[in-house]
Protein backbone atom coordinates (compact mmCIF):
# COMPACT_ATOMS: atom_id res chain seq x y z
CA UNK A 1 286.66 238.28 117.95
CA UNK A 2 282.90 237.86 118.34
CA UNK A 3 281.67 235.65 121.17
CA UNK A 4 278.26 234.74 122.60
CA UNK A 5 277.75 235.37 126.30
CA UNK A 6 274.99 234.59 128.76
CA UNK A 7 273.55 237.89 129.96
CA UNK A 8 270.65 236.85 132.22
CA UNK A 9 267.69 234.49 132.17
CA UNK A 10 266.32 234.42 128.62
CA UNK A 11 268.97 236.79 127.31
CA UNK A 12 272.05 236.05 125.20
CA UNK A 13 274.35 238.66 123.70
CA UNK A 14 277.24 238.88 121.22
CA UNK A 15 280.26 240.89 122.39
CA UNK A 16 283.84 241.55 121.32
CA UNK A 17 286.48 239.53 123.19
CA UNK A 18 290.25 239.11 122.74
CA UNK A 19 291.26 236.02 120.77
CA UNK A 20 292.22 233.48 123.47
CA UNK A 21 295.83 232.60 124.22
CA UNK A 22 297.20 229.21 125.17
CA UNK A 23 296.91 228.67 128.92
CA UNK A 24 298.11 225.05 129.03
CA UNK A 25 300.91 223.23 127.24
CA UNK A 26 298.45 220.59 126.01
CA UNK A 27 295.90 223.08 124.62
CA UNK A 28 295.09 224.29 121.12
CA UNK A 29 293.44 227.41 119.75
CA UNK A 30 290.65 226.55 117.32
CA UNK A 31 289.05 228.81 114.70
CA UNK A 32 285.38 227.90 114.66
CA UNK A 33 283.73 226.64 111.46
CA UNK A 34 280.47 225.43 112.99
CA UNK A 35 279.04 225.50 116.52
CA UNK A 36 275.57 224.80 117.90
CA UNK A 37 273.16 225.21 120.77
CA UNK A 38 272.71 222.18 123.03
CA UNK A 39 269.59 221.24 124.93
CA UNK A 40 271.66 221.50 128.11
CA UNK A 41 272.35 225.17 127.27
CA UNK A 42 268.67 225.80 127.80
CA UNK A 43 268.97 224.96 131.50
CA UNK A 44 270.74 228.25 132.21
CA UNK A 45 268.81 230.13 129.50
CA UNK A 46 265.59 229.16 131.29
CA UNK A 47 267.02 230.04 134.70
CA UNK A 48 266.89 226.45 135.99
CA UNK A 49 270.68 226.22 136.34
CA UNK A 50 272.81 229.09 137.58
CA UNK A 51 275.33 230.61 135.17
CA UNK A 52 277.72 233.52 135.55
CA UNK A 53 276.57 236.62 133.68
CA UNK A 54 279.07 237.49 130.95
CA UNK A 55 280.37 233.94 130.52
CA UNK A 56 281.12 232.77 126.98
CA UNK A 57 278.86 229.82 126.20
CA UNK A 58 278.79 226.66 124.12
CA UNK A 59 280.49 223.27 124.12
CA UNK A 60 280.02 221.83 120.60
CA UNK A 61 282.16 222.84 117.61
CA UNK A 62 284.22 221.88 114.60
CA UNK A 63 287.03 224.08 113.38
CA UNK A 64 290.59 224.64 112.21
CA UNK A 65 293.57 224.36 114.54
CA UNK A 66 295.34 227.74 114.64
CA UNK A 67 297.96 227.22 117.35
CA UNK A 68 299.08 224.39 119.63
CA UNK A 69 300.92 224.14 122.92
CA UNK A 70 304.37 222.50 123.20
CA UNK A 71 302.96 219.18 124.43
CA UNK A 72 300.63 218.79 121.44
CA UNK A 73 302.14 216.46 118.82
CA UNK A 74 299.18 214.66 117.23
CA UNK A 75 297.43 217.70 115.76
CA UNK A 76 298.98 220.72 114.08
CA UNK A 77 297.95 224.13 112.77
CA UNK A 78 295.74 223.74 109.71
CA UNK A 79 294.11 220.48 110.81
CA UNK A 80 290.32 220.28 110.51
CA UNK A 81 288.97 218.87 113.78
CA UNK A 82 285.95 217.92 115.85
CA UNK A 83 286.14 219.54 119.30
CA UNK A 84 284.28 217.18 121.68
CA UNK A 85 282.63 218.61 124.75
CA UNK A 86 284.76 216.19 126.78
CA UNK A 87 288.51 216.77 126.99
CA UNK A 88 290.10 213.36 127.42
CA UNK A 89 293.83 213.12 128.04
CA UNK A 90 293.95 209.60 126.62
CA UNK A 91 296.20 208.08 129.28
CA UNK A 92 294.48 208.28 132.69
CA UNK A 93 292.61 205.18 133.96
CA UNK A 94 289.22 206.64 132.96
CA UNK A 95 290.33 207.40 129.40
CA UNK A 96 292.10 204.06 129.04
CA UNK A 97 288.87 202.36 130.09
CA UNK A 98 287.03 204.29 127.34
CA UNK A 99 285.30 206.86 129.55
CA UNK A 100 286.98 210.17 128.75
CA UNK A 101 283.87 211.96 129.97
CA UNK A 102 285.37 211.24 133.39
CA UNK A 103 288.97 212.19 132.47
CA UNK A 104 291.10 212.72 135.58
CA UNK A 105 293.63 215.02 133.91
CA UNK A 106 291.67 217.91 132.44
CA UNK A 107 293.24 221.12 133.81
CA UNK A 108 290.04 223.13 133.34
CA UNK A 109 287.07 220.78 132.92
CA UNK A 110 284.49 223.54 132.62
CA UNK A 111 286.27 225.61 129.99
CA UNK A 112 283.65 224.97 127.30
CA UNK A 113 283.18 228.27 125.48
CA UNK A 114 282.79 227.31 121.84
CA UNK A 115 280.09 229.76 120.68
CA UNK A 116 282.80 232.15 119.58
CA UNK A 117 285.01 232.75 116.56
CA UNK A 118 288.00 231.24 118.41
CA UNK A 119 288.32 229.09 121.52
CA UNK A 120 290.92 227.21 123.55
CA UNK A 121 290.61 223.41 123.74
CA UNK A 122 292.26 221.54 126.63
CA UNK A 123 293.88 218.11 126.20
CA UNK A 124 294.07 218.79 122.48
CA UNK A 125 296.71 216.14 121.83
CA UNK A 126 294.28 213.24 122.35
CA UNK A 127 290.84 214.81 122.73
CA UNK A 128 290.50 216.43 119.30
CA UNK A 129 289.34 214.22 116.41
CA UNK A 130 290.86 214.97 113.00
CA UNK A 131 288.59 215.13 109.95
CA UNK A 132 290.32 214.37 106.63
CA UNK A 133 290.89 217.36 104.36
CA UNK A 134 289.50 220.86 104.79
CA UNK A 135 286.00 222.28 105.38
CA UNK A 136 285.72 223.33 101.74
CA UNK A 137 286.00 219.66 100.71
CA UNK A 138 282.56 218.99 102.19
CA UNK A 139 278.95 219.97 101.62
CA UNK A 140 276.96 221.95 104.17
CA UNK A 141 275.05 218.75 104.96
CA UNK A 142 278.28 216.88 105.70
CA UNK A 143 279.58 219.74 107.85
CA UNK A 144 276.34 219.63 109.84
CA UNK A 145 276.82 215.91 110.47
CA UNK A 146 280.42 216.48 111.58
CA UNK A 147 279.09 219.11 113.99
CA UNK A 148 276.84 216.55 115.68
CA UNK A 149 279.95 214.46 116.38
CA UNK A 150 281.05 217.04 118.96
CA UNK A 151 278.20 216.03 121.27
CA UNK A 152 274.70 214.85 120.36
CA UNK A 153 275.48 211.95 118.03
CA UNK A 154 278.09 210.32 120.29
CA UNK A 155 275.87 211.04 123.31
CA UNK A 156 272.97 209.17 121.69
CA UNK A 157 275.43 206.44 120.68
CA UNK A 158 276.74 206.30 124.24
CA UNK A 159 273.21 205.57 125.47
CA UNK A 160 272.95 202.72 122.96
CA UNK A 161 276.36 201.26 123.84
CA UNK A 162 275.76 201.52 127.58
CA UNK A 163 272.44 199.71 127.08
CA UNK A 164 274.30 196.97 125.13
CA UNK A 165 272.12 197.33 122.03
CA UNK A 166 272.77 194.49 119.60
CA UNK A 167 271.42 193.08 116.37
CA UNK A 168 267.78 192.04 116.58
CA UNK A 169 266.99 193.91 119.81
CA UNK A 170 263.80 195.73 120.69
CA UNK A 171 264.77 199.20 121.93
CA UNK A 172 262.81 202.01 123.54
CA UNK A 173 264.17 205.55 123.26
CA UNK A 174 262.85 208.04 125.81
CA UNK A 175 263.26 211.59 124.54
CA UNK A 176 262.72 213.26 121.15
CA UNK A 177 265.34 216.00 121.31
CA UNK A 178 268.49 215.88 119.22
CA UNK A 179 270.13 213.36 121.58
CA UNK A 180 267.07 211.09 121.60
CA UNK A 181 266.87 211.21 117.81
CA UNK A 182 270.57 210.38 117.55
CA UNK A 183 269.98 207.52 119.99
CA UNK A 184 267.39 206.13 117.55
CA UNK A 185 269.90 206.47 114.71
CA UNK A 186 272.48 204.71 116.88
CA UNK A 187 270.17 201.81 117.75
CA UNK A 188 269.45 201.33 114.05
CA UNK A 189 273.17 201.50 113.24
CA UNK A 190 273.86 198.79 115.85
CA UNK A 191 271.25 196.48 114.37
CA UNK A 192 268.11 196.89 116.51
CA UNK A 193 265.06 195.34 114.85
CA UNK A 194 262.27 197.24 116.63
CA UNK A 195 262.81 200.81 117.83
CA UNK A 196 260.04 202.53 119.77
CA UNK A 197 260.22 206.33 119.76
CA UNK A 198 258.35 208.54 122.25
CA UNK A 199 257.68 211.80 120.43
CA UNK A 200 254.69 214.10 120.87
CA UNK A 201 255.66 216.37 117.94
CA UNK A 202 254.94 215.53 114.31
CA UNK A 203 258.23 216.88 112.94
CA UNK A 204 260.29 214.96 115.49
CA UNK A 205 258.33 211.77 114.99
CA UNK A 206 258.91 212.06 111.23
CA UNK A 207 262.67 212.40 111.75
CA UNK A 208 262.62 209.56 114.29
CA UNK A 209 261.07 207.30 111.66
CA UNK A 210 263.58 208.50 109.07
CA UNK A 211 266.35 207.56 111.50
CA UNK A 212 264.94 204.07 112.06
CA UNK A 213 262.04 204.13 114.53
CA UNK A 214 259.47 201.47 113.75
CA UNK A 215 256.84 202.67 116.24
CA UNK A 216 255.97 205.76 118.26
CA UNK A 217 254.16 206.21 121.57
CA UNK A 218 253.14 209.81 122.15
CA UNK A 219 251.40 209.52 125.51
CA UNK A 220 253.13 209.64 128.89
CA UNK A 221 252.55 208.16 132.33
CA UNK A 222 250.87 204.83 132.97
CA UNK A 223 249.10 204.81 129.60
CA UNK A 224 252.40 205.36 127.81
CA UNK A 225 254.00 202.49 129.72
CA UNK A 226 251.03 200.29 128.85
CA UNK A 227 251.30 201.07 125.14
CA UNK A 228 255.07 200.52 125.05
CA UNK A 229 254.79 197.18 126.82
CA UNK A 230 252.02 196.16 124.41
CA UNK A 231 254.45 196.75 121.54
CA UNK A 232 256.88 194.34 123.23
CA UNK A 233 254.28 191.60 123.71
CA UNK A 234 254.13 192.52 127.38
CA UNK A 235 257.74 191.56 128.05
CA UNK A 236 259.39 194.98 127.94
CA UNK A 237 262.33 196.18 125.83
CA UNK A 238 265.74 194.52 125.55
CA UNK A 239 267.35 197.95 125.94
CA UNK A 240 266.08 201.35 127.06
CA UNK A 241 267.87 204.56 126.03
CA UNK A 242 267.02 207.27 128.57
CA UNK A 243 267.61 210.69 127.04
CA UNK A 244 265.15 213.01 128.80
CA UNK A 245 265.09 212.55 132.61
CA UNK A 246 262.59 209.69 132.59
CA UNK A 247 264.15 206.95 134.69
CA UNK A 248 260.85 205.96 136.28
CA UNK A 249 259.42 205.17 132.85
CA UNK A 250 262.67 203.49 131.77
CA UNK A 251 262.44 201.00 134.62
CA UNK A 252 258.79 200.24 133.86
CA UNK A 253 259.29 199.51 130.15
CA UNK A 254 262.45 197.38 130.44
CA UNK A 255 262.22 193.61 130.31
CA UNK A 256 263.73 191.49 133.08
CA UNK A 257 267.51 191.60 132.82
CA UNK A 258 267.60 194.57 130.46
CA UNK A 259 270.10 197.41 130.48
CA UNK A 260 269.18 201.08 130.64
CA UNK A 261 271.60 203.47 128.94
CA UNK A 262 271.28 206.83 130.67
CA UNK A 263 272.47 210.10 129.17
CA UNK A 264 269.74 212.49 130.37
CA UNK A 265 271.54 214.91 132.69
CA UNK A 266 270.16 214.45 136.24
CA UNK A 267 268.34 217.35 137.92
CA UNK A 268 267.46 216.15 141.43
CA UNK A 269 265.77 213.05 140.06
CA UNK A 270 265.45 210.19 142.54
CA UNK A 271 265.49 206.50 141.64
CA UNK A 272 264.35 203.72 143.94
CA UNK A 273 267.02 201.05 143.54
CA UNK A 274 264.52 198.39 144.64
CA UNK A 275 262.93 198.77 141.20
CA UNK A 276 266.22 197.76 139.64
CA UNK A 277 266.69 194.86 142.04
CA UNK A 278 263.29 193.30 141.47
CA UNK A 279 263.62 193.64 137.70
CA UNK A 280 267.21 192.37 137.50
CA UNK A 281 267.89 195.63 135.68
CA UNK A 282 271.17 197.40 135.03
CA UNK A 283 271.83 201.11 134.53
CA UNK A 284 274.94 202.58 132.99
CA UNK A 285 275.62 205.97 131.48
CA UNK A 286 276.94 209.45 131.98
CA UNK A 287 278.96 211.98 129.96
CA UNK A 288 279.58 210.43 126.56
CA UNK A 289 282.86 208.96 125.33
CA UNK A 290 282.87 211.36 122.39
CA UNK A 291 286.46 210.98 121.19
CA UNK A 292 286.33 207.19 121.55
CA UNK A 293 283.03 206.70 119.70
CA UNK A 294 283.94 209.19 116.97
CA UNK A 295 287.21 207.40 116.26
CA UNK A 296 285.87 203.85 116.52
CA UNK A 297 282.59 204.23 114.65
CA UNK A 298 280.96 207.55 113.98
CA UNK A 299 283.33 209.68 111.90
CA UNK A 300 283.83 206.81 109.47
CA UNK A 301 280.07 206.21 109.29
CA UNK A 302 279.47 209.88 108.41
CA UNK A 303 282.28 209.90 105.83
CA UNK A 304 280.77 206.79 104.20
CA UNK A 305 277.26 208.33 104.35
CA UNK A 306 276.00 205.42 106.42
CA UNK A 307 274.44 207.92 108.84
CA UNK A 308 273.36 211.53 108.41
CA UNK A 309 272.86 212.90 111.95
CA UNK A 310 273.09 216.50 110.75
CA UNK A 311 269.37 216.23 109.96
CA UNK A 312 268.72 217.17 113.60
CA UNK A 313 269.60 220.78 112.72
CA UNK A 314 266.32 222.34 111.67
CA UNK A 315 267.42 225.98 112.00
CA UNK A 316 270.68 227.77 111.34
CA UNK A 317 272.00 231.19 112.27
CA UNK A 318 275.01 233.45 112.20
CA UNK A 319 276.57 234.14 115.61
CA UNK A 320 275.05 237.64 115.61
CA UNK A 321 271.63 235.96 115.88
CA UNK A 322 272.49 233.88 118.95
CA UNK A 323 269.41 235.12 120.82
CA UNK A 324 267.12 233.73 118.13
CA UNK A 325 269.10 230.48 118.01
CA UNK A 326 268.33 229.91 121.69
CA UNK A 327 264.73 231.13 121.47
CA UNK A 328 263.63 228.75 118.71
CA UNK A 329 264.92 225.79 120.69
CA UNK A 330 263.44 227.04 123.94
CA UNK A 331 260.06 227.42 122.20
CA UNK A 332 260.45 224.01 120.47
CA UNK A 333 260.23 225.66 117.06
CA UNK A 334 263.51 223.94 116.14
CA UNK A 335 265.00 220.62 117.17
CA UNK A 336 268.53 222.04 117.22
CA UNK A 337 270.16 225.31 116.12
CA UNK A 338 273.32 225.31 113.99
CA UNK A 339 275.70 228.29 114.13
CA UNK A 340 277.48 228.92 110.84
CA UNK A 341 280.76 230.86 110.92
């Protein structure tokens, strides 16, 4: 099979690999229909995070179940599924609490290697999310939206749920990548009345407004905080969705007693907890509850065309063009790259 591997900083490659075998009794082998490049993949592509040369990459996919282990009863060969980047078992305390991003029973938590024609998925019995029918029953646009349900849409939704977004709220979304845009869509879906985006790029601002943003603040730093607070009549936002490593700004634009939903992956960022104390602020967030949110809300919303998160894909490629798929995101020429198999 063909698989994408990380070669070195700034360099991806497609190589031939054996089709994976089942290594765990609760695993499944998936034939990939769609995959994608995540903003977090750019950390190793840019050389900020360390990655093993030759490692198969990717952690977002939809596909067809080809084979299942003996402990897998809830999905079967032929099922069309979303493969979340988290691998919840469904029965540990973390999963039962609705936080499968912290599952305590994943035998290989860093086995994400979905930018390939086939991949193994751990904890397949509960973690995989079945899509009705077959891929050929859906349009390319619908398939793109299903693909977002493997990561970015439920991650943006996780930020909104952790921030307790409710009907009538004023919400600030920090970040204009695919996750930030999906957070805007999520806030709108949950009933927010005013949604303040923070994009500095015309194409991203346009999509943010399409997804439900009512305002946009393009500047950063103290002036950005000043403009955001002015849009909230000086009080600050009811909820802040932090999607781009901007906790300092999040604290400064939140009203007293607000919640901050954090899904931006930390990279040595420091937060002074005194800022939270003196604002009566709360922070909650982390790896998204992908399986939970897909089953409770998001898959149904896509099937009913209530949301169309696949709009975040502004470039698409075959796997052979994986280098270009990474480059256009790294250079901000695309919001997110879709891989079509």
